[in-house]
């Protein structure tokens, strides 16, 4: 029975690793910045899952500490990326507002 569990964990680790690389592709080619942020968040979450499964597979509980530290780092990274996204969105909105004000001023003079 232990051999079945160990092969199950190994298969799960391989599948999650493949899905992590699929998220990496989405993070690189993702058409929007929000898609990229979501992909980075998913990569972090799947990496944590891989570390936890590896901990069970190797029967080593000290690896769980690494997963917890990685979870905190991943959370902070997503928060920073979201703040950058909000800043970029705000800049684009301000530029559009300035452009529409200039166009309305030009139209008023005509």
PDB file of N, CA and C in Angstrom:
ATOM      1  N   UNK A   1       0.813  -1.194   0.000  1.00  0.00           N
ATOM      2  CA  UNK A   1       0.000   0.000   0.000  1.00  0.00           C
ATOM      3  C   UNK A   1       0.858   1.260   0.000  1.00  0.00           C
ATOM      4  N   UNK A   2       1.979   1.183   0.694  1.00  0.00           N
ATOM      5  CA  UNK A   2       2.877   2.339   0.759  1.00  0.00           C
ATOM      6  C   UNK A   2       3.461   2.652  -0.617  1.00  0.00           C
ATOM      7  N   UNK A   3       3.713   1.619  -1.396  1.00  0.00           N
ATOM      8  CA  UNK A   3       4.253   1.808  -2.739  1.00  0.00           C
ATOM      9  C   UNK A   3       3.225   2.524  -3.625  1.00  0.00           C
ATOM     10  N   UNK A   4       1.941   2.231  -3.444  1.00  0.00           N
ATOM     11  CA  UNK A   4       0.892   2.899  -4.214  1.00  0.00           C
ATOM     12  C   UNK A   4       0.837   4.376  -3.857  1.00  0.00           C
ATOM     13  N   UNK A   5       0.913   4.679  -2.538  1.00  0.00           N
ATOM     14  CA  UNK A   5       0.904   6.075  -2.127  1.00  0.00           C
ATOM     15  C   UNK A   5       2.118   6.823  -2.664  1.00  0.00           C
ATOM     16  N   UNK A   6       3.256   6.184  -2.599  1.00  0.00           N
ATOM     17  CA  UNK A   6       4.465   6.852  -3.059  1.00  0.00           C
ATOM     18  C   UNK A   6       4.421   7.106  -4.559  1.00  0.00           C
ATOM     19  N   UNK A   7       3.902   6.166  -5.327  1.00  0.00           N
ATOM     20  CA  UNK A   7       3.789   6.409  -6.768  1.00  0.00           C
ATOM     21  C   UNK A   7       2.712   7.452  -7.064  1.00  0.00           C
ATOM     22  N   UNK A   8       1.641   7.467  -6.258  1.00  0.00           N
ATOM     23  CA  UNK A   8       0.599   8.489  -6.420  1.00  0.00           C
ATOM     24  C   UNK A   8       1.160   9.881  -6.191  1.00  0.00           C
ATOM     25  N   UNK A   9       1.947  10.059  -5.121  1.00  0.00           N
ATOM     26  CA  UNK A   9       2.549  11.363  -4.849  1.00  0.00           C
ATOM     27  C   UNK A   9       3.510  11.771  -5.955  1.00  0.00           C
ATOM     28  N   UNK A  10       4.267  10.822  -6.463  1.00  0.00           N
ATOM     29  CA  UNK A  10       5.202  11.121  -7.542  1.00  0.00           C
ATOM     30  C   UNK A  10       4.463  11.555  -8.809  1.00  0.00           C
ATOM     31  N   UNK A  11       3.366  10.874  -9.136  1.00  0.00           N
ATOM     32  CA  UNK A  11       2.565  11.253 -10.309  1.00  0.00           C
ATOM     33  C   UNK A  11       1.959  12.639 -10.117  1.00  0.00           C
ATOM     34  N   UNK A  12       1.478  12.924  -8.908  1.00  0.00           N
ATOM     35  CA  UNK A  12       0.917  14.253  -8.619  1.00  0.00           C
ATOM     36  C   UNK A  12       1.977  15.344  -8.767  1.00  0.00           C
ATOM     37  N   UNK A  13       3.170  15.087  -8.284  1.00  0.00           N
ATOM     38  CA  UNK A  13       4.265  16.059  -8.406  1.00  0.00           C
ATOM     39  C   UNK A  13       4.580  16.311  -9.876  1.00  0.00           C
ATOM     40  N   UNK A  14       4.619  15.272 -10.685  1.00  0.00           N
ATOM     41  CA  UNK A  14       4.914  15.426 -12.114  1.00  0.00           C
ATOM     42  C   UNK A  14       3.814  16.218 -12.811  1.00  0.00           C
ATOM     43  N   UNK A  15       2.558  15.919 -12.506  1.00  0.00           N
ATOM     44  CA  UNK A  15       1.441  16.630 -13.139  1.00  0.00           C
ATOM     45  C   UNK A  15       1.447  18.105 -12.748  1.00  0.00           C
ATOM     46  N   UNK A  16       1.649  18.390 -11.468  1.00  0.00           N
ATOM     47  CA  UNK A  16       1.668  19.793 -11.026  1.00  0.00           C
ATOM     48  C   UNK A  16       2.865  20.524 -11.622  1.00  0.00           C
ATOM     49  N   UNK A  17       3.982  19.842 -11.806  1.00  0.00           N
ATOM     50  CA  UNK A  17       5.144  20.465 -12.445  1.00  0.00           C
ATOM     51  C   UNK A  17       4.836  20.834 -13.891  1.00  0.00           C
ATOM     52  N   UNK A  18       4.159  19.960 -14.608  1.00  0.00           N
ATOM     53  CA  UNK A  18       3.775  20.266 -15.993  1.00  0.00           C
ATOM     54  C   UNK A  18       2.826  21.461 -16.028  1.00  0.00           C
ATOM     55  N   UNK A  19       1.861  21.482 -15.102  1.00  0.00           N
ATOM     56  CA  UNK A  19       0.926  22.613 -15.044  1.00  0.00           C
ATOM     57  C   UNK A  19       1.629  23.919 -14.662  1.00  0.00           C
ATOM     58  N   UNK A  20       2.665  23.809 -13.846  1.00  0.00           N
ATOM     59  CA  UNK A  20       3.440  24.997 -13.482  1.00  0.00           C
ATOM     60  C   UNK A  20       4.135  25.573 -14.710  1.00  0.00           C
ATOM     61  N   UNK A  21       4.672  24.709 -15.557  1.00  0.00           N
ATOM     62  CA  UNK A  21       5.300  25.199 -16.781  1.00  0.00           C
ATOM     63  C   UNK A  21       4.273  25.804 -17.735  1.00  0.00           C
ATOM     64  N   UNK A  22       3.059  25.259 -17.737  1.00  0.00           N
ATOM     65  CA  UNK A  22       1.985  25.862 -18.547  1.00  0.00           C
ATOM     66  C   UNK A  22       1.662  27.264 -18.038  1.00  0.00           C
ATOM     67  N   UNK A  23       1.655  27.447 -16.731  1.00  0.00           N
ATOM     68  CA  UNK A  23       1.438  28.792 -16.164  1.00  0.00           C
ATOM     69  C   UNK A  23       2.603  29.719 -16.490  1.00  0.00           C
ATOM     70  N   UNK A  24       3.804  29.170 -16.549  1.00  0.00           N
ATOM     71  CA  UNK A  24       4.961  29.983 -16.922  1.00  0.00           C
ATOM     72  C   UNK A  24       4.813  30.502 -18.345  1.00  0.00           C
ATOM     73  N   UNK A  25       4.316  29.650 -19.228  1.00  0.00           N
ATOM     74  CA  UNK A  25       4.072  30.088 -20.609  1.00  0.00           C
ATOM     75  C   UNK A  25       3.030  31.198 -20.624  1.00  0.00           C
ATOM     76  N   UNK A  26       1.964  31.050 -19.832  1.00  0.00           N
ATOM     77  CA  UNK A  26       0.928  32.083 -19.764  1.00  0.00           C
ATOM     78  C   UNK A  26       1.494  33.374 -19.191  1.00  0.00           C
ATOM     79  N   UNK A  27       2.405  33.258 -18.235  1.00  0.00           N
ATOM     80  CA  UNK A  27       3.010  34.455 -17.654  1.00  0.00           C
ATOM     81  C   UNK A  27       3.877  35.185 -18.673  1.00  0.00           C
ATOM     82  N   UNK A  28       4.478  34.446 -19.577  1.00  0.00           N
ATOM     83  CA  UNK A  28       5.338  35.070 -20.585  1.00  0.00           C
ATOM     84  C   UNK A  28       4.524  35.669 -21.719  1.00  0.00           C
ATOM     85  N   UNK A  29       3.548  34.938 -22.239  1.00  0.00           N
ATOM     86  CA  UNK A  29       2.813  35.421 -23.406  1.00  0.00           C
ATOM     87  C   UNK A  29       1.485  36.074 -23.072  1.00  0.00           C
ATOM     88  N   UNK A  30       1.041  35.978 -21.817  1.00  0.00           N
ATOM     89  CA  UNK A  30      -0.274  36.482 -21.436  1.00  0.00           C
ATOM     90  C   UNK A  30      -0.572  37.842 -22.029  1.00  0.00           C
ATOM     91  N   UNK A  31      -1.711  37.997 -22.686  1.00  0.00           N
ATOM     92  CA  UNK A  31      -1.957  39.249 -23.397  1.00  0.00           C
ATOM     93  C   UNK A  31      -2.068  40.472 -22.487  1.00  0.00           C
ATOM     94  N   UNK A  32      -2.521  40.284 -21.271  1.00  0.00           N
ATOM     95  CA  UNK A  32      -2.684  41.423 -20.364  1.00  0.00           C
ATOM     96  C   UNK A  32      -1.822  41.231 -19.126  1.00  0.00           C
ATOM     97  N   UNK A  33      -1.582  42.338 -18.458  1.00  0.00           N
ATOM     98  CA  UNK A  33      -0.789  42.297 -17.235  1.00  0.00           C
ATOM     99  C   UNK A  33      -1.509  41.518 -16.137  1.00  0.00           C
ATOM    100  N   UNK A  34      -2.830  41.611 -16.099  1.00  0.00           N
ATOM    101  CA  UNK A  34      -3.598  40.868 -15.095  1.00  0.00           C
ATOM    102  C   UNK A  34      -3.435  39.362 -15.291  1.00  0.00           C
ATOM    103  N   UNK A  35      -3.368  38.916 -16.546  1.00  0.00           N
ATOM    104  CA  UNK A  35      -3.139  37.494 -16.822  1.00  0.00           C
ATOM    105  C   UNK A  35      -1.777  37.058 -16.300  1.00  0.00           C
ATOM    106  N   UNK A  36      -0.808  37.913 -16.459  1.00  0.00           N
ATOM    107  CA  UNK A  36       0.544  37.587 -16.000  1.00  0.00           C
ATOM    108  C   UNK A  36       0.607  37.521 -14.480  1.00  0.00           C
ATOM    109  N   UNK A  37      -0.068  38.446 -13.811  1.00  0.00           N
ATOM    110  CA  UNK A  37      -0.087  38.427 -12.348  1.00  0.00           C
ATOM    111  C   UNK A  37      -0.768  37.159 -11.844  1.00  0.00           C
ATOM    112  N   UNK A  38      -1.873  36.798 -12.477  1.00  0.00           N
ATOM    113  CA  UNK A  38      -2.582  35.576 -12.085  1.00  0.00           C
ATOM    114  C   UNK A  38      -1.706  34.345 -12.314  1.00  0.00           C
ATOM    115  N   UNK A  39      -0.967  34.332 -13.416  1.00  0.00           N
ATOM    116  CA  UNK A  39      -0.081  33.197 -13.703  1.00  0.00           C
ATOM    117  C   UNK A  39       1.040  33.097 -12.671  1.00  0.00           C
ATOM    118  N   UNK A  40       1.604  34.234 -12.278  1.00  0.00           N
ATOM    119  CA  UNK A  40       2.661  34.224 -11.263  1.00  0.00           C
ATOM    120  C   UNK A  40       2.101  33.718  -9.929  1.00  0.00           C
ATOM    121  N   UNK A  41       0.881  34.134  -9.606  1.00  0.00           N
ATOM    122  CA  UNK A  41       0.241  33.658  -8.377  1.00  0.00           C
ATOM    123  C   UNK A  41       0.027  32.143  -8.434  1.00  0.00           C
ATOM    124  N   UNK A  42      -0.405  31.638  -9.580  1.00  0.00           N
ATOM    125  CA  UNK A  42      -0.616  30.199  -9.729  1.00  0.00           C
ATOM    126  C   UNK A  42       0.700  29.426  -9.669  1.00  0.00           C
ATOM    127  N   UNK A  43       1.751  29.997 -10.234  1.00  0.00           N
ATOM    128  CA  UNK A  43       3.060  29.343 -10.156  1.00  0.00           C
ATOM    129  C   UNK A  43       3.491  29.219  -8.692  1.00  0.00           C
ATOM    130  N   UNK A  44       3.290  30.279  -7.931  1.00  0.00           N
ATOM    131  CA  UNK A  44       3.630  30.233  -6.505  1.00  0.00           C
ATOM    132  C   UNK A  44       2.823  29.202  -5.746  1.00  0.00           C
ATOM    133  N   UNK A  45       1.529  29.159  -6.022  1.00  0.00           N
ATOM    134  CA  UNK A  45       0.659  28.203  -5.337  1.00  0.00           C
ATOM    135  C   UNK A  45       1.028  26.767  -5.698  1.00  0.00           C
ATOM    136  N   UNK A  46       1.286  26.521  -6.964  1.00  0.00           N
ATOM    137  CA  UNK A  46       1.647  25.162  -7.380  1.00  0.00           C
ATOM    138  C   UNK A  46       3.015  24.753  -6.854  1.00  0.00           C
ATOM    139  N   UNK A  47       3.919  25.704  -6.742  1.00  0.00           N
ATOM    140  CA  UNK A  47       5.228  25.391  -6.175  1.00  0.00           C
ATOM    141  C   UNK A  47       5.101  24.992  -4.711  1.00  0.00           C
ATOM    142  N   UNK A  48       4.228  25.691  -3.993  1.00  0.00           N
ATOM    143  CA  UNK A  48       3.979  25.329  -2.597  1.00  0.00           C
ATOM    144  C   UNK A  48       3.396  23.924  -2.519  1.00  0.00           C
ATOM    145  N   UNK A  49       2.460  23.605  -3.416  1.00  0.00           N
ATOM    146  CA  UNK A  49       1.875  22.260  -3.432  1.00  0.00           C
ATOM    147  C   UNK A  49       2.931  21.206  -3.740  1.00  0.00           C
ATOM    148  N   UNK A  50       3.827  21.509  -4.672  1.00  0.00           N
ATOM    149  CA  UNK A  50       4.899  20.559  -4.998  1.00  0.00           C
ATOM    150  C   UNK A  50       5.803  20.330  -3.791  1.00  0.00           C
ATOM    151  N   UNK A  51       6.149  21.409  -3.094  1.00  0.00           N
ATOM    152  CA  UNK A  51       7.010  21.273  -1.917  1.00  0.00           C
ATOM    153  C   UNK A  51       6.317  20.440  -0.843  1.00  0.00           C
ATOM    154  N   UNK A  52       5.026  20.658  -0.652  1.00  0.00           N
ATOM    155  CA  UNK A  52       4.296  19.879   0.369  1.00  0.00           C
ATOM    156  C   UNK A  52       4.190  18.396  -0.022  1.00  0.00           C
ATOM    157  N   UNK A  53       3.890  18.133  -1.282  1.00  0.00           N
ATOM    158  CA  UNK A  53       3.836  16.739  -1.731  1.00  0.00           C
ATOM    159  C   UNK A  53       5.206  16.075  -1.624  1.00  0.00           C
ATOM    160  N   UNK A  54       6.241  16.837  -1.936  1.00  0.00           N
ATOM    161  CA  UNK A  54       7.601  16.304  -1.802  1.00  0.00           C
ATOM    162  C   UNK A  54       7.926  15.985  -0.347  1.00  0.00           C
ATOM    163  N   UNK A  55       7.424  16.808   0.560  1.00  0.00           N
ATOM    164  CA  UNK A  55       7.630  16.566   1.982  1.00  0.00           C
ATOM    165  C   UNK A  55       6.980  15.259   2.422  1.00  0.00           C
ATOM    166  N   UNK A  56       5.771  15.012   1.928  1.00  0.00           N
ATOM    167  CA  UNK A  56       5.085  13.760   2.277  1.00  0.00           C
ATOM    168  C   UNK A  56       5.780  12.580   1.597  1.00  0.00           C
ATOM    169  N   UNK A  57       6.172  12.775   0.338  1.00  0.00           N
ATOM    170  CA  UNK A  57       6.830  11.702  -0.419  1.00  0.00           C
ATOM    171  C   UNK A  57       8.142  11.276   0.248  1.00  0.00           C
ATOM    172  N   UNK A  58       8.908  12.261   0.697  1.00  0.00           N
ATOM    173  CA  UNK A  58      10.195  11.964   1.336  1.00  0.00           C
ATOM    174  C   UNK A  58      10.067  11.701   2.833  1.00  0.00           C
ATOM    175  N   UNK A  59       8.866  11.887   3.383  1.00  0.00           N
ATOM    176  CA  UNK A  59       8.604  11.756   4.819  1.00  0.00           C
ATOM    177  C   UNK A  59       9.546  12.629   5.635  1.00  0.00           C
ATOM    178  N   UNK A  60       9.669  13.857   5.194  1.00  0.00           N
ATOM    179  CA  UNK A  60      10.557  14.837   5.836  1.00  0.00           C
ATOM    180  C   UNK A  60       9.727  16.071   6.181  1.00  0.00           C
ATOM    181  N   UNK A  61       9.421  16.258   7.456  1.00  0.00           N
ATOM    182  CA  UNK A  61       8.543  17.363   7.857  1.00  0.00           C
ATOM    183  C   UNK A  61       9.242  18.715   7.857  1.00  0.00           C
ATOM    184  N   UNK A  62      10.549  18.731   7.875  1.00  0.00           N
ATOM    185  CA  UNK A  62      11.256  20.018   7.900  1.00  0.00           C
ATOM    186  C   UNK A  62      11.092  20.779   6.588  1.00  0.00           C
ATOM    187  N   UNK A  63      10.745  20.087   5.524  1.00  0.00           N
ATOM    188  CA  UNK A  63      10.532  20.749   4.236  1.00  0.00           C
ATOM    189  C   UNK A  63       9.267  21.612   4.279  1.00  0.00           C
ATOM    190  N   UNK A  64       8.343  21.307   5.177  1.00  0.00           N
ATOM    191  CA  UNK A  64       7.127  22.112   5.298  1.00  0.00           C
ATOM    192  C   UNK A  64       7.434  23.543   5.716  1.00  0.00           C
ATOM    193  N   UNK A  65       8.514  23.731   6.481  1.00  0.00           N
ATOM    194  CA  UNK A  65       8.928  25.088   6.844  1.00  0.00           C
ATOM    195  C   UNK A  65       9.317  25.883   5.605  1.00  0.00           C
ATOM    196  N   UNK A  66       9.966  25.218   4.683  1.00  0.00           N
ATOM    197  CA  UNK A  66      10.330  25.871   3.421  1.00  0.00           C
ATOM    198  C   UNK A  66       9.069  26.282   2.668  1.00  0.00           C
ATOM    199  N   UNK A  67       8.055  25.425   2.681  1.00  0.00           N
ATOM    200  CA  UNK A  67       6.797  25.740   2.002  1.00  0.00           C
ATOM    201  C   UNK A  67       6.125  26.955   2.637  1.00  0.00           C
ATOM    202  N   UNK A  68       6.163  27.050   3.951  1.00  0.00           N
ATOM    203  CA  UNK A  68       5.562  28.202   4.625  1.00  0.00           C
ATOM    204  C   UNK A  68       6.296  29.500   4.285  1.00  0.00           C
ATOM    205  N   UNK A  69       7.605  29.452   4.292  1.00  0.00           N
ATOM    206  CA  UNK A  69       8.385  30.641   3.935  1.00  0.00           C
ATOM    207  C   UNK A  69       8.126  31.023   2.484  1.00  0.00           C
ATOM    208  N   UNK A  70       8.062  30.041   1.613  1.00  0.00           N
ATOM    209  CA  UNK A  70       7.790  30.316   0.203  1.00  0.00           C
ATOM    210  C   UNK A  70       6.397  30.900   0.017  1.00  0.00           C
ATOM    211  N   UNK A  71       5.438  30.448   0.821  1.00  0.00           N
ATOM    212  CA  UNK A  71       4.078  30.987   0.733  1.00  0.00           C
ATOM    213  C   UNK A  71       4.058  32.466   1.092  1.00  0.00           C
ATOM    214  N   UNK A  72       4.788  32.844   2.109  1.00  0.00           N
ATOM    215  CA  UNK A  72       4.846  34.255   2.502  1.00  0.00           C
ATOM    216  C   UNK A  72       5.522  35.086   1.418  1.00  0.00           C
ATOM    217  N   UNK A  73       6.617  34.589   0.866  1.00  0.00           N
ATOM    218  CA  UNK A  73       7.318  35.314  -0.196  1.00  0.00           C
ATOM    219  C   UNK A  73       6.435  35.439  -1.432  1.00  0.00           C
ATOM    220  N   UNK A  74       5.734  34.387  -1.774  1.00  0.00           N
ATOM    221  CA  UNK A  74       4.839  34.419  -2.931  1.00  0.00           C
ATOM    222  C   UNK A  74       3.709  35.414  -2.720  1.00  0.00           C
ATOM    223  N   UNK A  75       3.156  35.458  -1.519  1.00  0.00           N
ATOM    224  CA  UNK A  75       2.091  36.405  -1.202  1.00  0.00           C
ATOM    225  C   UNK A  75       2.575  37.840  -1.346  1.00  0.00           C
ATOM    226  N   UNK A  76       3.740  38.125  -0.807  1.00  0.00           N
ATOM    227  CA  UNK A  76       4.294  39.483  -0.903  1.00  0.00           C
ATOM    228  C   UNK A  76       4.576  39.837  -2.364  1.00  0.00           C
ATOM    229  N   UNK A  77       5.072  38.903  -3.134  1.00  0.00           N
ATOM    230  CA  UNK A  77       5.361  39.164  -4.550  1.00  0.00           C
ATOM    231  C   UNK A  77       4.088  39.497  -5.317  1.00  0.00           C
ATOM    232  N   UNK A  78       3.010  38.791  -5.055  1.00  0.00           N
ATOM    233  CA  UNK A  78       1.745  39.072  -5.750  1.00  0.00           C
ATOM    234  C   UNK A  78       1.201  40.431  -5.322  1.00  0.00           C
ATOM    235  N   UNK A  79       1.335  40.781  -4.072  1.00  0.00           N
ATOM    236  CA  UNK A  79       0.888  42.098  -3.605  1.00  0.00           C
ATOM    237  C   UNK A  79       1.687  43.202  -4.297  1.00  0.00           C
ATOM    238  N   UNK A  80       2.992  43.028  -4.418  1.00  0.00           N
ATOM    239  CA  UNK A  80       3.824  44.028  -5.096  1.00  0.00           C
ATOM    240  C   UNK A  80       3.435  44.138  -6.567  1.00  0.00           C
ATOM    241  N   UNK A  81       3.236  43.018  -7.233  1.00  0.00           N
ATOM    242  CA  UNK A  81       2.829  43.049  -8.638  1.00  0.00           C
ATOM    243  C   UNK A  81       1.466  43.707  -8.806  1.00  0.00           C
ATOM    244  N   UNK A  82       0.553  43.457  -7.880  1.00  0.00           N
ATOM    245  CA  UNK A  82      -0.765  44.097  -7.951  1.00  0.00           C
ATOM    246  C   UNK A  82      -0.645  45.607  -7.761  1.00  0.00           C
ATOM    247  N   UNK A  83       0.221  46.044  -6.877  1.00  0.00           N
ATOM    248  CA  UNK A  83       0.424  47.479  -6.683  1.00  0.00           C
ATOM    249  C   UNK A  83       1.010  48.129  -7.936  1.00  0.00           C
ATOM    250  N   UNK A  84       1.925  47.440  -8.573  1.00  0.00           N
ATOM    251  CA  UNK A  84       2.490  47.951  -9.822  1.00  0.00           C
ATOM    252  C   UNK A  84       1.406  48.035 -10.883  1.00  0.00           C
ATOM    253  N   UNK A  85       0.564  47.016 -10.967  1.00  0.00           N
ATOM    254  CA  UNK A  85      -0.537  47.008 -11.934  1.00  0.00           C
ATOM    255  C   UNK A  85      -1.499  48.158 -11.675  1.00  0.00           C
ATOM    256  N   UNK A  86      -1.820  48.409 -10.420  1.00  0.00           N
ATOM    257  CA  UNK A  86      -2.712  49.518 -10.081  1.00  0.00           C
ATOM    258  C   UNK A  86      -2.078  50.843 -10.477  1.00  0.00           C
ATOM    259  N   UNK A  87      -0.772  50.988 -10.253  1.00  0.00           N
ATOM    260  CA  UNK A  87      -0.080  52.215 -10.636  1.00  0.00           C
ATOM    261  C   UNK A  87      -0.097  52.439 -12.137  1.00  0.00           C
ATOM    262  N   UNK A  88       0.152  51.379 -12.902  1.00  0.00           N
ATOM    263  CA  UNK A  88       0.133  51.487 -14.369  1.00  0.00           C
ATOM    264  C   UNK A  88      -1.273  51.821 -14.847  1.00  0.00           C
ATOM    265  N   UNK A  89      -2.285  51.179 -14.269  1.00  0.00           N
ATOM    266  CA  UNK A  89      -3.673  51.446 -14.652  1.00  0.00           C
ATOM    267  C   UNK A  89      -4.033  52.896 -14.359  1.00  0.00           C
ATOM    268  N   UNK A  90      -3.592  53.395 -13.217  1.00  0.00           N
ATOM    269  CA  UNK A  90      -3.880  54.786 -12.847  1.00  0.00           C
ATOM    270  C   UNK A  90      -3.213  55.762 -13.825  1.00  0.00           C
ATOM    271  N   UNK A  91      -1.963  55.486 -14.198  1.00  0.00           N
ATOM    272  CA  UNK A  91      -1.267  56.351 -15.158  1.00  0.00           C
ATOM    273  C   UNK A  91      -1.977  56.375 -16.505  1.00  0.00           C
ATOM    274  N   UNK A  92      -2.410  55.225 -16.977  1.00  0.00           N
ATOM    275  CA  UNK A  92      -3.116  55.151 -18.263  1.00  0.00           C
ATOM    276  C   UNK A  92      -4.427  55.922 -18.187  1.00  0.00           C
ATOM    277  N   UNK A  93      -5.144  55.794 -17.087  1.00  0.00           N
ATOM    278  CA  UNK A  93      -6.419  56.500 -16.925  1.00  0.00           C
ATOM    279  C   UNK A  93      -6.211  58.013 -16.896  1.00  0.00           C
ATOM    280  N   UNK A  94      -5.166  58.472 -16.216  1.00  0.00           N
ATOM    281  CA  UNK A  94      -4.878  59.913 -16.162  1.00  0.00           C
ATOM    282  C   UNK A  94      -4.522  60.433 -17.551  1.00  0.00           C
ATOM    283  N   UNK A  95      -3.721  59.669 -18.318  1.00  0.00           N
ATOM    284  CA  UNK A  95      -3.366  60.088 -19.672  1.00  0.00           C
ATOM    285  C   UNK A  95      -4.594  60.164 -20.560  1.00  0.00           C
ATOM    286  N   UNK A  96      -5.521  59.217 -20.429  1.00  0.00           N
ATOM    287  CA  UNK A  96      -6.744  59.250 -21.220  1.00  0.00           C
ATOM    288  C   UNK A  96      -7.601  60.450 -20.849  1.00  0.00           C
ATOM    289  N   UNK A  97      -7.661  60.771 -19.569  1.00  0.00           N
ATOM    290  CA  UNK A  97      -8.445  61.925 -19.141  1.00  0.00           C
ATOM    291  C   UNK A  97      -7.846  63.219 -19.673  1.00  0.00           C
ATOM    292  N   UNK A  98      -6.520  63.327 -19.634  1.00  0.00           N
ATOM    293  CA  UNK A  98      -5.860  64.525 -20.156  1.00  0.00           C
ATOM    294  C   UNK A  98      -6.085  64.640 -21.661  1.00  0.00           C
ATOM    295  N   UNK A  99      -6.002  63.519 -22.349  1.00  0.00           N
ATOM    296  CA  UNK A  99      -6.201  63.520 -23.793  1.00  0.00           C
ATOM    297  C   UNK A  99      -7.633  63.911 -24.133  1.00  0.00           C
ATOM    298  N   UNK A 100      -8.619  63.413 -23.406  1.00  0.00           N
ATOM    299  CA  UNK A 100     -10.013  63.764 -23.690  1.00  0.00           C
ATOM    300  C   UNK A 100     -10.288  65.226 -23.360  1.00  0.00           C
ATOM    301  N   UNK A 101      -9.626  65.766 -22.337  1.00  0.00           N
ATOM    302  CA  UNK A 101      -9.787  67.193 -22.013  1.00  0.00           C
ATOM    303  C   UNK A 101      -9.202  68.058 -23.116  1.00  0.00           C
ATOM    304  N   UNK A 102      -8.047  67.655 -23.662  1.00  0.00           N
ATOM    305  CA  UNK A 102      -7.445  68.419 -24.756  1.00  0.00           C
ATOM    306  C   UNK A 102      -8.334  68.377 -25.985  1.00  0.00           C
ATOM    307  N   UNK A 103      -8.896  67.216 -26.280  1.00  0.00           N
ATOM    308  CA  UNK A 103      -9.762  67.101 -27.451  1.00  0.00           C
ATOM    309  C   UNK A 103     -11.034  67.924 -27.280  1.00  0.00           C
ATOM    310  N   UNK A 104     -11.585  67.944 -26.076  1.00  0.00           N
ATOM    311  CA  UNK A 104     -12.796  68.728 -25.845  1.00  0.00           C
ATOM    312  C   UNK A 104     -12.492  70.214 -25.900  1.00  0.00           C
ATOM    313  N   UNK A 105     -11.298  70.617 -25.469  1.00  0.00           N
ATOM    314  CA  UNK A 105     -10.909  72.032 -25.547  1.00  0.00           C
ATOM    315  C   UNK A 105     -10.718  72.445 -26.998  1.00  0.00           C
ATOM    316  N   UNK A 106     -10.127  71.580 -27.798  1.00  0.00           N
ATOM    317  CA  UNK A 106      -9.931  71.877 -29.219  1.00  0.00           C
ATOM    318  C   UNK A 106     -11.292  71.952 -29.922  1.00  0.00           C
ATOM    319  N   UNK A 107     -12.188  71.076 -29.599  1.00  0.00           N
ATOM    320  CA  UNK A 107     -13.513  71.090 -30.205  1.00  0.00           C
ATOM    321  C   UNK A 107     -14.313  72.323 -29.796  1.00  0.00           C
ATOM    322  N   UNK A 108     -14.113  72.828 -28.577  1.00  0.00           N
ATOM    323  CA  UNK A 108     -14.802  74.018 -28.119  1.00  0.00           C
ATOM    324  C   UNK A 108     -14.334  75.259 -28.882  1.00  0.00           C
ATOM    325  N   UNK A 109     -13.058  75.279 -29.247  1.00  0.00           N
ATOM    326  CA  UNK A 109     -12.513  76.417 -29.983  1.00  0.00           C
ATOM    327  C   UNK A 109     -12.944  76.422 -31.433  1.00  0.00           C
ATOM    328  N   UNK A 110     -13.301  75.279 -31.945  1.00  0.00           N
ATOM    329  CA  UNK A 110     -13.721  75.207 -33.351  1.00  0.00           C
ATOM    330  C   UNK A 110     -15.142  75.608 -33.421  1.00  0.00           C
TER     331      UNK A 110
END
